[in-house]
Amino acid sequence: MGLTASIYAILVVLFYLAIFAGVFYLVYTWVNKFITLKKEQNDLLRAIIKKMGEKSSSDQQ
């Protein structure tokens, strides 16, 4: 009886650790994707501002 109870306890602990690891992995991938998208957005905005600056300087000349 004691052996089966300890096996069940180990399985429950492993199950909860697997759930925790899965949630941690999902949060990690979501945060990395968010940071990547934010960086791409900043790069696009820089390119747009640069093109607008070039256009306005060519209009003034």
Foldseek 3Di string as FASTA:
>chain_A
DVVVVVVVVVVVVVVVVVVVVVVVVVVVVVVVVVVVVVVVVVVVVVVVVVVVVVVVVVVVD
